C-alpha atoms as a PDB file:
ATOM      1  CA  UNK A   1     128.253-139.404 -34.942  1.00  0.00           C
ATOM      2  CA  UNK A   2     126.155-142.022 -36.662  1.00  0.00           C
ATOM      3  CA  UNK A   3     126.290-142.577 -40.442  1.00  0.00           C
ATOM      4  CA  UNK A   4     122.763-141.106 -40.726  1.00  0.00           C
ATOM      5  CA  UNK A   5     123.822-137.990 -38.822  1.00  0.00           C
ATOM      6  CA  UNK A   6     126.908-137.639 -41.053  1.00  0.00           C
ATOM      7  CA  UNK A   7     124.669-137.936 -44.138  1.00  0.00           C
ATOM      8  CA  UNK A   8     122.314-135.267 -42.786  1.00  0.00           C
ATOM      9  CA  UNK A   9     125.156-132.921 -41.855  1.00  0.00           C
ATOM     10  CA  UNK A  10     126.842-133.351 -45.255  1.00  0.00           C
ATOM     11  CA  UNK A  11     123.521-132.686 -47.007  1.00  0.00           C
ATOM     12  CA  UNK A  12     122.872-129.535 -44.961  1.00  0.00           C
ATOM     13  CA  UNK A  13     126.393-128.230 -45.668  1.00  0.00           C
ATOM     14  CA  UNK A  14     126.040-128.867 -49.415  1.00  0.00           C
ATOM     15  CA  UNK A  15     122.529-127.406 -49.536  1.00  0.00           C
ATOM     16  CA  UNK A  16     123.588-124.208 -47.768  1.00  0.00           C
ATOM     17  CA  UNK A  17     126.646-123.886 -50.014  1.00  0.00           C
ATOM     18  CA  UNK A  18     124.469-124.179 -53.122  1.00  0.00           C
ATOM     19  CA  UNK A  19     121.358-122.223 -52.087  1.00  0.00           C
ATOM     20  CA  UNK A  20     122.691-119.830 -49.405  1.00  0.00           C
ATOM     21  CA  UNK A  21     119.915-120.912 -47.013  1.00  0.00           C
ATOM     22  CA  UNK A  22     119.189-124.053 -45.007  1.00  0.00           C
ATOM     23  CA  UNK A  23     116.963-126.912 -46.154  1.00  0.00           C
ATOM     24  CA  UNK A  24     113.619-127.623 -44.511  1.00  0.00           C
ATOM     25  CA  UNK A  25     113.110-130.746 -42.414  1.00  0.00           C
ATOM     26  CA  UNK A  26     111.010-132.114 -45.288  1.00  0.00           C
ATOM     27  CA  UNK A  27     113.873-131.605 -47.764  1.00  0.00           C
ATOM     28  CA  UNK A  28     116.329-133.255 -45.370  1.00  0.00           C
ATOM     29  CA  UNK A  29     113.931-136.170 -44.870  1.00  0.00           C
ATOM     30  CA  UNK A  30     113.487-136.623 -48.611  1.00  0.00           C
ATOM     31  CA  UNK A  31     117.259-136.760 -49.043  1.00  0.00           C
ATOM     32  CA  UNK A  32     117.778-139.408 -46.350  1.00  0.00           C
ATOM     33  CA  UNK A  33     114.671-141.397 -47.261  1.00  0.00           C
ATOM     34  CA  UNK A  34     112.253-140.664 -44.428  1.00  0.00           C
ATOM     35  CA  UNK A  35     108.893-138.906 -44.415  1.00  0.00           C
ATOM     36  CA  UNK A  36     109.029-138.322 -40.657  1.00  0.00           C
ATOM     37  CA  UNK A  37     109.888-134.722 -39.827  1.00  0.00           C
ATOM     38  CA  UNK A  38     110.010-135.810 -36.185  1.00  0.00           C
ATOM     39  CA  UNK A  39     112.835-138.216 -36.966  1.00  0.00           C
ATOM     40  CA  UNK A  40     114.717-135.457 -38.787  1.00  0.00           C
ATOM     41  CA  UNK A  41     114.137-133.108 -35.849  1.00  0.00           C
ATOM     42  CA  UNK A  42     115.575-135.700 -33.452  1.00  0.00           C
ATOM     43  CA  UNK A  43     118.723-136.003 -35.579  1.00  0.00           C
ATOM     44  CA  UNK A  44     119.040-132.193 -35.853  1.00  0.00           C
ATOM     45  CA  UNK A  45     118.723-131.847 -32.068  1.00  0.00           C
ATOM     46  CA  UNK A  46     121.435-134.461 -31.566  1.00  0.00           C
ATOM     47  CA  UNK A  47     123.762-132.751 -34.053  1.00  0.00           C
ATOM     48  CA  UNK A  48     123.175-129.472 -32.197  1.00  0.00           C
ATOM     49  CA  UNK A  49     123.934-131.199 -28.882  1.00  0.00           C
ATOM     50  CA  UNK A  50     127.213-132.436 -30.385  1.00  0.00           C
ATOM     51  CA  UNK A  51     128.061-128.859 -31.410  1.00  0.00           C
ATOM     52  CA  UNK A  52     127.959-129.571 -35.162  1.00  0.00           C
ATOM     53  CA  UNK A  53     125.165-127.125 -35.899  1.00  0.00           C
ATOM     54  CA  UNK A  54     122.765-124.637 -34.341  1.00  0.00           C
ATOM     55  CA  UNK A  55     119.069-124.383 -34.980  1.00  0.00           C
ATOM     56  CA  UNK A  56     116.351-121.928 -34.110  1.00  0.00           C
ATOM     57  CA  UNK A  57     112.973-123.627 -33.727  1.00  0.00           C
ATOM     58  CA  UNK A  58     111.204-120.303 -34.103  1.00  0.00           C
ATOM     59  CA  UNK A  59     112.752-119.436 -37.462  1.00  0.00           C
ATOM     60  CA  UNK A  60     111.921-121.072 -40.763  1.00  0.00           C
ATOM     61  CA  UNK A  61     115.021-122.725 -42.226  1.00  0.00           C
ATOM     62  CA  UNK A  62     116.783-121.816 -38.974  1.00  0.00           C
ATOM     63  CA  UNK A  63     119.626-124.346 -39.240  1.00  0.00           C
ATOM     64  CA  UNK A  64     123.199-123.049 -39.181  1.00  0.00           C
ATOM     65  CA  UNK A  65     126.438-124.991 -39.505  1.00  0.00           C
ATOM     66  CA  UNK A  66     128.881-124.319 -36.679  1.00  0.00           C
ATOM     67  CA  UNK A  67     132.322-123.346 -37.983  1.00  0.00           C
ATOM     68  CA  UNK A  68     134.067-126.739 -37.881  1.00  0.00           C
ATOM     69  CA  UNK A  69     137.525-125.251 -37.433  1.00  0.00           C
ATOM     70  CA  UNK A  70     136.488-123.556 -34.205  1.00  0.00           C
ATOM     71  CA  UNK A  71     135.319-126.779 -32.557  1.00  0.00           C
ATOM     72  CA  UNK A  72     137.589-129.538 -33.846  1.00  0.00           C
ATOM     73  CA  UNK A  73     140.922-130.637 -32.450  1.00  0.00           C
ATOM     74  CA  UNK A  74     143.904-131.175 -34.732  1.00  0.00           C
ATOM     75  CA  UNK A  75     143.928-134.902 -33.949  1.00  0.00           C
ATOM     76  CA  UNK A  76     140.243-135.220 -34.829  1.00  0.00           C
ATOM     77  CA  UNK A  77     140.770-133.285 -38.049  1.00  0.00           C
ATOM     78  CA  UNK A  78     143.654-135.523 -39.076  1.00  0.00           C
ATOM     79  CA  UNK A  79     141.613-138.649 -38.282  1.00  0.00           C
ATOM     80  CA  UNK A  80     138.669-137.404 -40.374  1.00  0.00           C
ATOM     81  CA  UNK A  81     140.931-136.499 -43.297  1.00  0.00           C
ATOM     82  CA  UNK A  82     142.563-139.921 -43.107  1.00  0.00           C
ATOM     83  CA  UNK A  83     139.112-141.570 -43.025  1.00  0.00           C
ATOM     84  CA  UNK A  84     138.141-139.683 -46.186  1.00  0.00           C
ATOM     85  CA  UNK A  85     141.426-140.585 -47.876  1.00  0.00           C
ATOM     86  CA  UNK A  86     142.653-136.999 -48.044  1.00  0.00           C
ATOM     87  CA  UNK A  87     145.949-137.700 -46.266  1.00  0.00           C
END
């Protein structure tokens, strides 16, 4: 995962936690500093390919976070926690 993808994923998670619905591509772009919705869409598609989120092109605000505990190995979880200084 690239730093930009991590930033987008973190923003989506925080936005959903606060608002109870997903941000639009425009809102995501504004957060990461791009006006290109196409660029945001490319990043969203890649995050979906990696299994980090799901999105429905036919639904407005159709981005959903995949439950991270169902897709992450214990070793990966420990590595991420160590990277964030939580261990």
